[in-house]
């Protein structure tokens, strides 16, 4: 299990990824890791406990829709 952190007031997944993982662009990795906990990616409540992904847990988008 990865490190767990609490979301602070006015934080976003972007800011949590920057603070905890050193790369704000990994916000999607945090979202994927905590998909069942989060109701929406737009708003994260202060006090929500999130599990941080490990370095090898990176979201890889699949191919786009067929044309």
Protein backbone atom coordinates (compact mmCIF):
# COMPACT_ATOMS: atom_id res chain seq x y z
CA UNK A 1 0.00 0.00 0.00
CA UNK A 2 1.27 3.45 -0.89
CA UNK A 3 1.73 6.44 1.38
CA UNK A 4 -1.54 8.04 2.50
CA UNK A 5 -2.01 11.80 2.80
CA UNK A 6 -4.82 14.12 3.84
CA UNK A 7 -6.06 16.77 1.44
CA UNK A 8 -5.71 20.24 2.95
CA UNK A 9 -8.10 23.17 2.57
CA UNK A 10 -8.12 24.59 -0.99
CA UNK A 11 -5.91 21.80 -2.39
CA UNK A 12 -6.48 20.16 -5.73
CA UNK A 13 -5.26 16.85 -7.11
CA UNK A 14 -2.74 18.91 -9.08
CA UNK A 15 -1.35 20.52 -5.91
CA UNK A 16 -1.32 17.23 -3.98
CA UNK A 17 0.60 15.54 -6.81
CA UNK A 18 3.08 18.43 -6.88
CA UNK A 19 3.61 18.35 -3.10
CA UNK A 20 3.75 14.59 -2.61
CA UNK A 21 5.11 13.26 -5.91
CA UNK A 22 7.12 16.25 -7.13
CA UNK A 23 5.19 16.40 -10.42
CA UNK A 24 1.80 18.09 -10.69
CA UNK A 25 1.17 16.29 -14.00
CA UNK A 26 0.79 13.06 -12.02
CA UNK A 27 -2.60 14.27 -10.73
CA UNK A 28 -4.21 11.68 -13.01
CA UNK A 29 -2.20 8.91 -11.30
CA UNK A 30 -3.54 10.10 -7.93
CA UNK A 31 -7.08 10.15 -9.36
CA UNK A 32 -6.80 6.64 -10.85
CA UNK A 33 -5.31 5.26 -7.61
CA UNK A 34 -8.20 6.77 -5.59
CA UNK A 35 -11.03 6.39 -8.10
CA UNK A 36 -13.39 4.69 -5.63
CA UNK A 37 -12.81 7.38 -2.99
CA UNK A 38 -13.29 10.43 -5.18
CA UNK A 39 -16.75 11.52 -6.30
CA UNK A 40 -15.50 13.92 -8.95
CA UNK A 41 -12.14 15.09 -10.18
CA UNK A 42 -13.31 18.70 -10.09
CA UNK A 43 -13.57 18.99 -6.30
CA UNK A 44 -11.61 17.25 -3.56
CA UNK A 45 -12.83 17.82 -0.01
CA UNK A 46 -10.37 18.86 2.68
CA UNK A 47 -9.77 15.92 5.00
CA UNK A 48 -10.11 13.31 2.25
CA UNK A 49 -7.45 10.66 2.69
CA UNK A 50 -5.70 9.78 -0.56
CA UNK A 51 -3.28 6.96 -1.28
CA UNK A 52 -0.27 8.08 -3.30
CA UNK A 53 0.74 5.92 -6.27
CA UNK A 54 4.17 4.32 -6.40
CA UNK A 55 6.63 5.39 -9.10
CA UNK A 56 5.64 2.39 -11.24
CA UNK A 57 1.92 3.21 -11.05
CA UNK A 58 1.45 5.64 -13.92
CA UNK A 59 -1.69 6.11 -15.96
CA UNK A 60 -1.17 5.24 -19.59
CA UNK A 61 -4.02 6.43 -21.79
CA UNK A 62 -5.26 3.94 -24.35
CA UNK A 63 -5.71 4.65 -28.03
CA UNK A 64 -8.31 7.24 -28.95
CA UNK A 65 -11.58 6.36 -30.66
CA UNK A 66 -11.37 4.73 -34.07
CA UNK A 67 -11.99 7.11 -36.94
